[in-house]
PDB file of all heavy atoms in Angstrom:
ATOM      1  N   ASN A   1     118.939  97.395  86.329  1.00  0.00           N
ATOM      2  CA  ASN A   1     119.062  97.019  87.730  1.00  0.00           C
ATOM      3  C   ASN A   1     117.880  97.481  88.572  1.00  0.00           C
ATOM      4  O   ASN A   1     117.515  96.815  89.542  1.00  0.00           O
ATOM      5  CB  ASN A   1     120.366  97.565  88.307  1.00  0.00           C
ATOM      6  CG  ASN A   1     121.588  96.862  87.753  1.00  0.00           C
ATOM      7  OD1 ASN A   1     121.513  95.721  87.301  1.00  0.00           O
ATOM      8  ND2 ASN A   1     122.726  97.533  87.802  1.00  0.00           N
ATOM      9  N   ASP A   2     117.290  98.618  88.223  1.00  0.00           N
ATOM     10  CA  ASP A   2     116.156  99.104  89.001  1.00  0.00           C
ATOM     11  C   ASP A   2     114.926  98.226  88.824  1.00  0.00           C
ATOM     12  O   ASP A   2     114.016  98.259  89.654  1.00  0.00           O
ATOM     13  CB  ASP A   2     115.843 100.560  88.669  1.00  0.00           C
ATOM     14  CG  ASP A   2     115.571 100.795  87.199  1.00  0.00           C
ATOM     15  OD1 ASP A   2     115.898  99.916  86.377  1.00  0.00           O
ATOM     16  OD2 ASP A   2     115.032 101.866  86.863  1.00  0.00           O
ATOM     17  N   LEU A   3     114.897  97.440  87.752  1.00  0.00           N
ATOM     18  CA  LEU A   3     113.808  96.500  87.520  1.00  0.00           C
ATOM     19  C   LEU A   3     114.225  95.058  87.802  1.00  0.00           C
ATOM     20  O   LEU A   3     113.423  94.145  87.624  1.00  0.00           O
ATOM     21  CB  LEU A   3     113.309  96.606  86.079  1.00  0.00           C
ATOM     22  CG  LEU A   3     112.703  97.943  85.659  1.00  0.00           C
ATOM     23  CD1 LEU A   3     112.310  97.908  84.190  1.00  0.00           C
ATOM     24  CD2 LEU A   3     111.500  98.284  86.528  1.00  0.00           C
ATOM     25  N   ASN A   4     115.470  94.861  88.239  1.00  0.00           N
ATOM     26  CA  ASN A   4     116.006  93.533  88.539  1.00  0.00           C
ATOM     27  C   ASN A   4     115.838  92.587  87.357  1.00  0.00           C
ATOM     28  O   ASN A   4     115.495  91.412  87.527  1.00  0.00           O
ATOM     29  CB  ASN A   4     115.340  92.949  89.784  1.00  0.00           C
ATOM     30  CG  ASN A   4     115.538  93.800  91.007  1.00  0.00           C
ATOM     31  OD1 ASN A   4     116.643  94.277  91.270  1.00  0.00           O
ATOM     32  ND2 ASN A   4     114.473  93.993  91.777  1.00  0.00           N
ATOM     33  N   THR A   5     116.099  93.097  86.161  1.00  0.00           N
ATOM     34  CA  THR A   5     115.820  92.332  84.960  1.00  0.00           C
ATOM     35  C   THR A   5     117.019  92.296  84.018  1.00  0.00           C
ATOM     36  O   THR A   5     117.681  93.310  83.802  1.00  0.00           O
ATOM     37  CB  THR A   5     114.605  92.908  84.215  1.00  0.00           C
ATOM     38  OG1 THR A   5     113.488  92.962  85.104  1.00  0.00           O
ATOM     39  CG2 THR A   5     114.245  92.031  83.030  1.00  0.00           C
ATOM     40  N   LEU A   6     117.271  91.124  83.477  1.00  0.00           N
ATOM     41  CA  LEU A   6     118.285  90.883  82.471  1.00  0.00           C
ATOM     42  C   LEU A   6     117.587  90.611  81.146  1.00  0.00           C
ATOM     43  O   LEU A   6     116.553  89.938  81.110  1.00  0.00           O
ATOM     44  CB  LEU A   6     119.139  89.680  82.870  1.00  0.00           C
ATOM     45  CG  LEU A   6     120.154  89.159  81.854  1.00  0.00           C
ATOM     46  CD1 LEU A   6     121.323  90.129  81.733  1.00  0.00           C
ATOM     47  CD2 LEU A   6     120.631  87.768  82.258  1.00  0.00           C
ATOM     48  N   TYR A   7     118.166  91.103  80.043  1.00  0.00           N
ATOM     49  CA  TYR A   7     117.565  90.932  78.734  1.00  0.00           C
ATOM     50  C   TYR A   7     118.549  90.310  77.750  1.00  0.00           C
ATOM     51  O   TYR A   7     119.756  90.463  77.877  1.00  0.00           O
ATOM     52  CB  TYR A   7     117.104  92.273  78.158  1.00  0.00           C
ATOM     53  CG  TYR A   7     116.078  92.992  78.992  1.00  0.00           C
ATOM     54  CD1 TYR A   7     116.462  94.004  79.867  1.00  0.00           C
ATOM     55  CD2 TYR A   7     114.737  92.666  78.908  1.00  0.00           C
ATOM     56  CE1 TYR A   7     115.526  94.669  80.637  1.00  0.00           C
ATOM     57  CE2 TYR A   7     113.792  93.327  79.675  1.00  0.00           C
ATOM     58  CZ  TYR A   7     114.191  94.324  80.533  1.00  0.00           C
ATOM     59  OH  TYR A   7     113.265  94.985  81.303  1.00  0.00           O
ATOM     60  N   LEU A   8     117.997  89.631  76.769  1.00  0.00           N
ATOM     61  CA  LEU A   8     118.767  89.167  75.626  1.00  0.00           C
ATOM     62  C   LEU A   8     117.949  89.454  74.377  1.00  0.00           C
ATOM     63  O   LEU A   8     116.907  88.832  74.160  1.00  0.00           O
ATOM     64  CB  LEU A   8     119.089  87.674  75.719  1.00  0.00           C
ATOM     65  CG  LEU A   8     119.959  87.132  74.586  1.00  0.00           C
ATOM     66  CD1 LEU A   8     121.380  87.693  74.694  1.00  0.00           C
ATOM     67  CD2 LEU A   8     119.990  85.603  74.598  1.00  0.00           C
ATOM     68  N   GLN A   9     118.413  90.408  73.581  1.00  0.00           N
ATOM     69  CA  GLN A   9     117.771  90.721  72.320  1.00  0.00           C
ATOM     70  C   GLN A   9     118.423  89.877  71.228  1.00  0.00           C
ATOM     71  O   GLN A   9     119.628  89.984  71.001  1.00  0.00           O
ATOM     72  CB  GLN A   9     117.913  92.208  71.992  1.00  0.00           C
ATOM     73  CG  GLN A   9     117.294  92.629  70.677  1.00  0.00           C
ATOM     74  CD  GLN A   9     115.785  92.518  70.680  1.00  0.00           C
ATOM     75  OE1 GLN A   9     115.147  92.919  71.652  1.00  0.00           O
ATOM     76  NE2 GLN A   9     115.211  91.976  69.625  1.00  0.00           N
ATOM     77  N   MET A  10     117.635  89.054  70.571  1.00  0.00           N
ATOM     78  CA  MET A  10     118.127  88.163  69.536  1.00  0.00           C
ATOM     79  C   MET A  10     117.532  88.590  68.202  1.00  0.00           C
ATOM     80  O   MET A  10     116.313  88.716  68.072  1.00  0.00           O
ATOM     81  CB  MET A  10     117.756  86.712  69.840  1.00  0.00           C
ATOM     82  CG  MET A  10     118.211  86.235  71.213  1.00  0.00           C
ATOM     83  SD  MET A  10     117.849  84.482  71.496  1.00  0.00           S
ATOM     84  CE  MET A  10     116.055  84.537  71.542  1.00  0.00           C
ATOM     85  N   THR A  11     118.388  88.802  67.222  1.00  0.00           N
ATOM     86  CA  THR A  11     117.953  89.195  65.889  1.00  0.00           C
ATOM     87  C   THR A  11     118.505  88.230  64.857  1.00  0.00           C
ATOM     88  O   THR A  11     119.428  87.466  65.127  1.00  0.00           O
ATOM     89  CB  THR A  11     118.408  90.628  65.554  1.00  0.00           C
ATOM     90  OG1 THR A  11     119.838  90.695  65.574  1.00  0.00           O
ATOM     91  CG2 THR A  11     117.856  91.625  66.563  1.00  0.00           C
ATOM     92  N   SER A  12     117.932  88.292  63.667  1.00  0.00           N
ATOM     93  CA  SER A  12     118.369  87.431  62.563  1.00  0.00           C
ATOM     94  C   SER A  12     118.489  85.980  63.003  1.00  0.00           C
ATOM     95  O   SER A  12     119.499  85.316  62.769  1.00  0.00           O
ATOM     96  CB  SER A  12     119.705  87.932  61.996  1.00  0.00           C
ATOM     97  OG  SER A  12     119.592  89.262  61.532  1.00  0.00           O
ATOM     98  N   LEU A  13     117.455  85.484  63.621  1.00  0.00           N
ATOM     99  CA  LEU A  13     117.484  84.141  64.195  1.00  0.00           C
ATOM    100  C   LEU A  13     117.694  83.075  63.126  1.00  0.00           C
ATOM    101  O   LEU A  13     117.196  83.192  62.001  1.00  0.00           O
ATOM    102  CB  LEU A  13     116.200  83.861  64.958  1.00  0.00           C
ATOM    103  CG  LEU A  13     116.084  84.566  66.315  1.00  0.00           C
ATOM    104  CD1 LEU A  13     114.658  84.495  66.837  1.00  0.00           C
ATOM    105  CD2 LEU A  13     117.044  83.927  67.319  1.00  0.00           C
ATOM    106  N   LYS A  14     118.439  82.058  63.519  1.00  0.00           N
ATOM    107  CA  LYS A  14     118.734  80.927  62.658  1.00  0.00           C
ATOM    108  C   LYS A  14     118.227  79.646  63.310  1.00  0.00           C
ATOM    109  O   LYS A  14     118.026  79.591  64.524  1.00  0.00           O
ATOM    110  CB  LYS A  14     120.247  80.812  62.417  1.00  0.00           C
ATOM    111  CG  LYS A  14     120.890  82.059  61.860  1.00  0.00           C
ATOM    112  CD  LYS A  14     122.396  81.891  61.779  1.00  0.00           C
ATOM    113  CE  LYS A  14     123.070  83.126  61.231  1.00  0.00           C
ATOM    114  NZ  LYS A  14     124.552  82.973  61.178  1.00  0.00           N
ATOM    115  N   ALA A  15     118.063  78.617  62.518  1.00  0.00           N
ATOM    116  CA  ALA A  15     117.594  77.342  63.043  1.00  0.00           C
ATOM    117  C   ALA A  15     118.520  76.814  64.132  1.00  0.00           C
ATOM    118  O   ALA A  15     118.059  76.208  65.107  1.00  0.00           O
ATOM    119  CB  ALA A  15     117.466  76.316  61.915  1.00  0.00           C
ATOM    120  N   GLU A  16     119.819  77.053  63.998  1.00  0.00           N
ATOM    121  CA  GLU A  16     120.773  76.573  64.978  1.00  0.00           C
ATOM    122  C   GLU A  16     120.714  77.318  66.312  1.00  0.00           C
ATOM    123  O   GLU A  16     121.396  76.940  67.263  1.00  0.00           O
ATOM    124  CB  GLU A  16     122.205  76.623  64.421  1.00  0.00           C
ATOM    125  CG  GLU A  16     122.586  77.969  63.837  1.00  0.00           C
ATOM    126  CD  GLU A  16     122.442  78.013  62.327  1.00  0.00           C
ATOM    127  OE1 GLU A  16     121.419  77.502  61.817  1.00  0.00           O
ATOM    128  OE2 GLU A  16     123.349  78.542  61.655  1.00  0.00           O
ATOM    129  N   ASP A  17     119.897  78.371  66.393  1.00  0.00           N
ATOM    130  CA  ASP A  17     119.676  79.059  67.662  1.00  0.00           C
ATOM    131  C   ASP A  17     118.655  78.332  68.534  1.00  0.00           C
ATOM    132  O   ASP A  17     118.443  78.721  69.685  1.00  0.00           O
ATOM    133  CB  ASP A  17     119.198  80.493  67.427  1.00  0.00           C
ATOM    134  CG  ASP A  17     120.256  81.352  66.759  1.00  0.00           C
ATOM    135  OD1 ASP A  17     121.444  81.192  67.071  1.00  0.00           O
ATOM    136  OD2 ASP A  17     119.879  82.189  65.914  1.00  0.00           O
ATOM    137  N   THR A  18     118.024  77.310  67.993  1.00  0.00           N
ATOM    138  CA  THR A  18     117.043  76.543  68.752  1.00  0.00           C
ATOM    139  C   THR A  18     117.703  75.889  69.962  1.00  0.00           C
ATOM    140  O   THR A  18     118.670  75.140  69.825  1.00  0.00           O
ATOM    141  CB  THR A  18     116.393  75.478  67.868  1.00  0.00           C
ATOM    142  OG1 THR A  18     115.656  76.112  66.816  1.00  0.00           O
ATOM    143  CG2 THR A  18     115.444  74.605  68.675  1.00  0.00           C
ATOM    144  N   ALA A  19     117.184  76.176  71.150  1.00  0.00           N
ATOM    145  CA  ALA A  19     117.758  75.664  72.390  1.00  0.00           C
ATOM    146  C   ALA A  19     116.908  76.130  73.558  1.00  0.00           C
ATOM    147  O   ALA A  19     116.024  76.977  73.404  1.00  0.00           O
ATOM    148  CB  ALA A  19     119.198  76.148  72.566  1.00  0.00           C
ATOM    149  N   VAL A  20     117.194  75.573  74.724  1.00  0.00           N
ATOM    150  CA  VAL A  20     116.670  76.123  75.964  1.00  0.00           C
ATOM    151  C   VAL A  20     117.651  77.179  76.438  1.00  0.00           C
ATOM    152  O   VAL A  20     118.850  76.910  76.559  1.00  0.00           O
ATOM    153  CB  VAL A  20     116.478  75.043  77.038  1.00  0.00           C
ATOM    154  CG1 VAL A  20     115.994  75.672  78.348  1.00  0.00           C
ATOM    155  CG2 VAL A  20     115.483  73.992  76.568  1.00  0.00           C
ATOM    156  N   TYR A  21     117.160  78.368  76.708  1.00  0.00           N
ATOM    157  CA  TYR A  21     118.000  79.475  77.137  1.00  0.00           C
ATOM    158  C   TYR A  21     117.856  79.687  78.636  1.00  0.00           C
ATOM    159  O   TYR A  21     116.746  79.779  79.162  1.00  0.00           O
ATOM    160  CB  TYR A  21     117.626  80.752  76.382  1.00  0.00           C
ATOM    161  CG  TYR A  21     118.126  80.760  74.961  1.00  0.00           C
ATOM    162  CD1 TYR A  21     117.547  79.934  74.001  1.00  0.00           C
ATOM    163  CD2 TYR A  21     119.193  81.575  74.582  1.00  0.00           C
ATOM    164  CE1 TYR A  21     118.022  79.914  72.702  1.00  0.00           C
ATOM    165  CE2 TYR A  21     119.665  81.560  73.283  1.00  0.00           C
ATOM    166  CZ  TYR A  21     119.078  80.730  72.343  1.00  0.00           C
ATOM    167  OH  TYR A  21     119.553  80.721  71.054  1.00  0.00           O
ATOM    168  N   TYR A  22     119.000  79.771  79.316  1.00  0.00           N
ATOM    169  CA  TYR A  22     119.045  79.921  80.763  1.00  0.00           C
ATOM    170  C   TYR A  22     119.719  81.229  81.147  1.00  0.00           C
ATOM    171  O   TYR A  22     120.722  81.610  80.546  1.00  0.00           O
ATOM    172  CB  TYR A  22     119.843  78.788  81.404  1.00  0.00           C
ATOM    173  CG  TYR A  22     119.296  77.401  81.173  1.00  0.00           C
ATOM    174  CD1 TYR A  22     119.688  76.653  80.074  1.00  0.00           C
ATOM    175  CD2 TYR A  22     118.392  76.832  82.068  1.00  0.00           C
ATOM    176  CE1 TYR A  22     119.196  75.376  79.861  1.00  0.00           C
ATOM    177  CE2 TYR A  22     117.905  75.560  81.862  1.00  0.00           C
ATOM    178  CZ  TYR A  22     118.306  74.831  80.761  1.00  0.00           C
ATOM    179  OH  TYR A  22     117.820  73.565  80.560  1.00  0.00           O
ATOM    180  N   CYS A  23     119.186  81.897  82.157  1.00  0.00           N
ATOM    181  CA  CYS A  23     119.903  83.011  82.748  1.00  0.00           C
ATOM    182  C   CYS A  23     120.592  82.536  84.014  1.00  0.00           C
ATOM    183  O   CYS A  23     120.158  81.579  84.656  1.00  0.00           O
ATOM    184  CB  CYS A  23     118.987  84.205  83.033  1.00  0.00           C
ATOM    185  SG  CYS A  23     117.628  83.903  84.180  1.00  0.00           S
ATOM    186  N   ALA A  24     121.682  83.201  84.366  1.00  0.00           N
ATOM    187  CA  ALA A  24     122.476  82.806  85.509  1.00  0.00           C
ATOM    188  C   ALA A  24     123.055  84.040  86.188  1.00  0.00           C
ATOM    189  O   ALA A  24     123.277  85.063  85.546  1.00  0.00           O
ATOM    190  CB  ALA A  24     123.607  81.862  85.082  1.00  0.00           C
ATOM    191  N   SER A  25     123.321  83.915  87.484  1.00  0.00           N
ATOM    192  CA  SER A  25     123.898  85.020  88.235  1.00  0.00           C
ATOM    193  C   SER A  25     124.998  84.533  89.153  1.00  0.00           C
ATOM    194  O   SER A  25     125.029  83.373  89.559  1.00  0.00           O
ATOM    195  CB  SER A  25     122.820  85.749  89.043  1.00  0.00           C
ATOM    196  OG  SER A  25     122.343  84.942  90.103  1.00  0.00           O
ATOM    197  N   ALA A  26     125.907  85.439  89.479  1.00  0.00           N
ATOM    198  CA  ALA A  26     126.990  85.164  90.405  1.00  0.00           C
ATOM    199  C   ALA A  26     127.349  86.440  91.144  1.00  0.00           C
ATOM    200  O   ALA A  26     127.492  87.497  90.523  1.00  0.00           O
ATOM    201  CB  ALA A  26     128.217  84.622  89.665  1.00  0.00           C
ATOM    202  N   TYR A  27     127.498  86.325  92.462  1.00  0.00           N
ATOM    203  CA  TYR A  27     127.929  87.478  93.235  1.00  0.00           C
ATOM    204  C   TYR A  27     129.324  87.873  92.768  1.00  0.00           C
ATOM    205  O   TYR A  27     130.202  87.022  92.594  1.00  0.00           O
ATOM    206  CB  TYR A  27     127.939  87.147  94.719  1.00  0.00           C
ATOM    207  CG  TYR A  27     128.310  88.312  95.600  1.00  0.00           C
ATOM    208  CD1 TYR A  27     127.470  89.410  95.728  1.00  0.00           C
ATOM    209  CD2 TYR A  27     129.508  88.310  96.310  1.00  0.00           C
ATOM    210  CE1 TYR A  27     127.813  90.482  96.527  1.00  0.00           C
ATOM    211  CE2 TYR A  27     129.858  89.378  97.112  1.00  0.00           C
ATOM    212  CZ  TYR A  27     129.003  90.467  97.219  1.00  0.00           C
ATOM    213  OH  TYR A  27     129.342  91.527  98.022  1.00  0.00           O
ATOM    214  N   ALA A  28     129.529  89.176  92.555  1.00  0.00           N
ATOM    215  CA  ALA A  28     130.773  89.643  91.973  1.00  0.00           C
ATOM    216  C   ALA A  28     131.225  90.936  92.611  1.00  0.00           C
ATOM    217  O   ALA A  28     130.417  91.725  93.111  1.00  0.00           O
ATOM    218  CB  ALA A  28     130.614  89.838  90.463  1.00  0.00           C
ATOM    219  N   SER A  29     132.529  91.151  92.572  1.00  0.00           N
ATOM    220  CA  SER A  29     133.092  92.425  92.985  1.00  0.00           C
ATOM    221  C   SER A  29     132.874  93.451  91.895  1.00  0.00           C
ATOM    222  O   SER A  29     132.647  93.113  90.728  1.00  0.00           O
ATOM    223  CB  SER A  29     134.585  92.275  93.282  1.00  0.00           C
ATOM    224  OG  SER A  29     134.810  91.367  94.340  1.00  0.00           O
ATOM    225  N   TYR A  30     132.977  94.698  92.267  1.00  0.00           N
ATOM    226  CA  TYR A  30     132.722  95.781  91.322  1.00  0.00           C
ATOM    227  C   TYR A  30     133.616  95.693  90.085  1.00  0.00           C
ATOM    228  O   TYR A  30     133.171  95.982  88.971  1.00  0.00           O
ATOM    229  CB  TYR A  30     132.919  97.124  92.012  1.00  0.00           C
ATOM    230  CG  TYR A  30     132.642  98.322  91.142  1.00  0.00           C
ATOM    231  CD1 TYR A  30     131.338  98.760  90.932  1.00  0.00           C
ATOM    232  CD2 TYR A  30     133.688  99.015  90.536  1.00  0.00           C
ATOM    233  CE1 TYR A  30     131.077  99.857  90.140  1.00  0.00           C
ATOM    234  CE2 TYR A  30     133.429 100.118  89.739  1.00  0.00           C
ATOM    235  CZ  TYR A  30     132.134 100.540  89.541  1.00  0.00           C
ATOM    236  OH  TYR A  30     131.887 101.631  88.751  1.00  0.00           O
ATOM    237  N   SER A  31     134.866  95.288  90.275  1.00  0.00           N
ATOM    238  CA  SER A  31     135.825  95.277  89.181  1.00  0.00           C
ATOM    239  C   SER A  31     135.871  93.963  88.412  1.00  0.00           C
ATOM    240  O   SER A  31     136.624  93.845  87.442  1.00  0.00           O
ATOM    241  CB  SER A  31     137.230  95.588  89.710  1.00  0.00           C
ATOM    242  OG  SER A  31     137.636  94.633  90.671  1.00  0.00           O
ATOM    243  N   ASP A  32     135.098  92.968  88.815  1.00  0.00           N
ATOM    244  CA  ASP A  32     135.132  91.678  88.136  1.00  0.00           C
ATOM    245  C   ASP A  32     134.582  91.805  86.723  1.00  0.00           C
ATOM    246  O   ASP A  32     133.486  92.331  86.523  1.00  0.00           O
ATOM    247  CB  ASP A  32     134.313  90.639  88.891  1.00  0.00           C
ATOM    248  CG  ASP A  32     134.991  90.163  90.155  1.00  0.00           C
ATOM    249  OD1 ASP A  32     136.193  90.414  90.335  1.00  0.00           O
ATOM    250  OD2 ASP A  32     134.300  89.524  90.980  1.00  0.00           O
ATOM    251  N   PRO A  33     135.311  91.281  85.736  1.00  0.00           N
ATOM    252  CA  PRO A  33     134.803  91.306  84.369  1.00  0.00           C
ATOM    253  C   PRO A  33     133.707  90.265  84.188  1.00  0.00           C
ATOM    254  O   PRO A  33     133.575  89.350  85.005  1.00  0.00           O
ATOM    255  CB  PRO A  33     136.037  90.959  83.532  1.00  0.00           C
ATOM    256  CG  PRO A  33     136.850  90.086  84.441  1.00  0.00           C
ATOM    257  CD  PRO A  33     136.648  90.654  85.820  1.00  0.00           C
ATOM    258  N   PRO A  34     132.923  90.360  83.128  1.00  0.00           N
ATOM    259  CA  PRO A  34     131.900  89.334  82.891  1.00  0.00           C
ATOM    260  C   PRO A  34     132.550  87.982  82.647  1.00  0.00           C
ATOM    261  O   PRO A  34     133.580  87.887  81.981  1.00  0.00           O
ATOM    262  CB  PRO A  34     131.174  89.844  81.645  1.00  0.00           C
ATOM    263  CG  PRO A  34     132.153  90.758  80.982  1.00  0.00           C
ATOM    264  CD  PRO A  34     132.927  91.402  82.097  1.00  0.00           C
ATOM    265  N   MET A  35     131.950  86.916  83.185  1.00  0.00           N
ATOM    266  CA  MET A  35     132.494  85.577  83.081  1.00  0.00           C
ATOM    267  C   MET A  35     131.767  84.783  82.013  1.00  0.00           C
ATOM    268  O   MET A  35     130.554  84.900  81.853  1.00  0.00           O
ATOM    269  CB  MET A  35     132.400  84.847  84.422  1.00  0.00           C
ATOM    270  CG  MET A  35     133.128  85.531  85.564  1.00  0.00           C
ATOM    271  SD  MET A  35     132.087  86.719  86.489  1.00  0.00           S
ATOM    272  CE  MET A  35     130.966  85.616  87.324  1.00  0.00           C
TER     273      MET A  35
END
């Protein structure tokens, strides 16, 4: 959060992982679980 950055570490990549990857955000309450 201090760097305002989201990460996705992907390992053991497969051909079926080929895609366009998008990040997304939503304003949330403190107790809201990940959607």
